Amino acid sequence: MLVVDPMKRMTIPEIRQHPWFQLGLPRYLAVPPPDTMQQAKKIDEDILLEVIKMGFDRDQLIESLRHRIQNEGTVAYYLILDNRFRVSSGYLGAEYQESM
């Protein structure tokens, strides 16, 4: 869980299935969550286009994202995705947004 690289991190379903998580689990938490893997497999077209503009092949990038292969293209994709999330959630603060 504490791995910096998002490609190597445990997923929420993997955490929920881990014996440590299951130990003493309240009944209301035993209900399976919505399929987050399907949501994770959705590729953001705007971010995809940004990475393609950097010189990466579209088909290879999509294939790498779908199979969770770590390479320069997927790292760029996830860095942009993470940055967008931080900006949209206000995590980076107003100073950063003004400088963009």
Protein backbone atom coordinates (compact mmCIF):
# COMPACT_ATOMS: atom_id res chain seq x y z
CA MET A 1 0.00 0.00 0.00
CA LEU A 2 2.83 2.40 0.73
CA VAL A 3 4.48 1.96 -2.64
CA VAL A 4 5.08 5.23 -4.50
CA ASP A 5 4.69 3.69 -7.95
CA PRO A 6 0.93 3.42 -8.69
CA MET A 7 1.58 0.54 -11.08
CA LYS A 8 2.97 -1.58 -8.23
CA ARG A 9 0.48 -0.59 -5.52
CA MET A 10 -2.16 -2.97 -4.20
CA THR A 11 -5.62 -2.24 -5.54
CA ILE A 12 -8.61 -1.68 -3.25
CA PRO A 13 -10.04 -5.14 -4.11
CA GLU A 14 -6.66 -6.73 -3.28
CA ILE A 15 -6.58 -4.90 0.06
CA ARG A 16 -10.15 -5.97 0.85
CA GLN A 17 -9.26 -9.61 0.15
CA HIS A 18 -6.10 -9.56 2.30
CA PRO A 19 -6.37 -11.68 5.49
CA TRP A 20 -5.24 -8.72 7.63
CA PHE A 21 -8.17 -6.63 6.36
CA GLN A 22 -10.65 -9.48 6.80
CA LEU A 23 -9.73 -10.02 10.48
CA GLY A 24 -12.59 -8.73 12.64
CA LEU A 25 -14.23 -7.06 9.66
CA PRO A 26 -17.63 -5.55 10.54
CA ARG A 27 -20.50 -7.06 8.57
CA TYR A 28 -21.37 -3.80 6.81
CA LEU A 29 -17.86 -3.65 5.31
CA ALA A 30 -18.11 -7.20 3.97
CA VAL A 31 -20.36 -6.00 1.13
CA PRO A 32 -18.28 -5.93 -2.04
CA PRO A 33 -17.62 -2.40 -3.34
CA PRO A 34 -18.62 -1.33 -6.87
CA ASP A 35 -16.30 -2.61 -9.57
CA THR A 36 -13.48 -0.10 -9.31
CA MET A 37 -11.33 -2.15 -11.67
CA GLN A 38 -13.70 -1.28 -14.51
CA GLN A 39 -13.43 2.38 -13.56
CA ALA A 40 -9.64 2.11 -13.38
CA LYS A 41 -9.56 0.60 -16.86
CA LYS A 42 -11.28 3.67 -18.32
CA ILE A 43 -8.66 5.69 -20.13
CA ASP A 44 -8.96 9.48 -20.02
CA GLU A 45 -8.86 10.58 -23.66
CA ASP A 46 -7.58 14.10 -22.87
CA ILE A 47 -4.65 12.75 -20.89
CA LEU A 48 -4.02 10.12 -23.57
CA LEU A 49 -3.77 12.89 -26.18
CA GLU A 50 -1.34 14.86 -24.00
CA VAL A 51 0.94 11.84 -23.70
CA ILE A 52 0.69 11.13 -27.44
CA LYS A 53 1.80 14.74 -28.07
CA MET A 54 4.98 13.86 -26.15
CA GLY A 55 5.81 11.37 -28.89
CA PHE A 56 4.36 8.10 -27.60
CA ASP A 57 2.53 5.67 -29.88
CA ARG A 58 -1.23 5.64 -29.22
CA ASP A 59 -1.80 1.90 -29.65
CA GLN A 60 1.23 0.94 -27.57
CA LEU A 61 0.21 3.38 -24.83
CA ILE A 62 -3.35 2.03 -24.67
CA GLU A 63 -2.07 -1.55 -24.61
CA SER A 64 0.38 -0.71 -21.82
CA LEU A 65 -2.32 1.01 -19.77
CA ARG A 66 -4.75 -1.90 -20.17
CA HIS A 67 -2.14 -4.46 -19.13
CA ARG A 68 -0.65 -2.28 -16.38
CA ILE A 69 2.78 -2.29 -17.98
CA GLN A 70 5.16 0.29 -16.56
CA ASN A 71 7.07 2.30 -19.14
CA GLU A 72 7.75 5.98 -19.88
CA GLY A 73 4.35 6.45 -21.52
CA THR A 74 2.30 5.00 -18.68
CA VAL A 75 4.35 6.87 -16.08
CA ALA A 76 3.67 10.13 -17.95
CA TYR A 77 -0.04 9.25 -18.16
CA TYR A 78 -0.35 8.56 -14.43
CA LEU A 79 1.66 11.65 -13.48
CA ILE A 80 -0.69 13.85 -15.51
CA LEU A 81 -3.73 12.01 -14.10
CA ASP A 82 -2.47 12.46 -10.54
CA ASN A 83 -1.68 16.13 -11.15
CA ARG A 84 -5.18 16.76 -12.52
CA PHE A 85 -6.73 15.08 -9.51
CA ARG A 86 -4.65 17.18 -7.12
CA VAL A 87 -5.49 20.43 -8.92
CA SER A 88 -9.22 19.65 -9.17
CA SER A 89 -9.41 18.64 -5.51
CA GLY A 90 -7.64 21.83 -4.40
CA TYR A 91 -4.80 19.79 -2.91
CA LEU A 92 -2.07 21.93 -4.45
CA GLY A 93 -3.52 25.21 -3.24
CA ALA A 94 -4.54 28.40 -5.01
CA GLU A 95 -0.97 29.55 -5.67
CA TYR A 96 -0.31 26.60 -7.99
CA GLN A 97 -3.57 27.04 -9.90
CA GLU A 98 -2.85 30.73 -10.48
CA SER A 99 0.57 29.95 -11.94
CA MET A 100 -0.88 27.57 -14.54
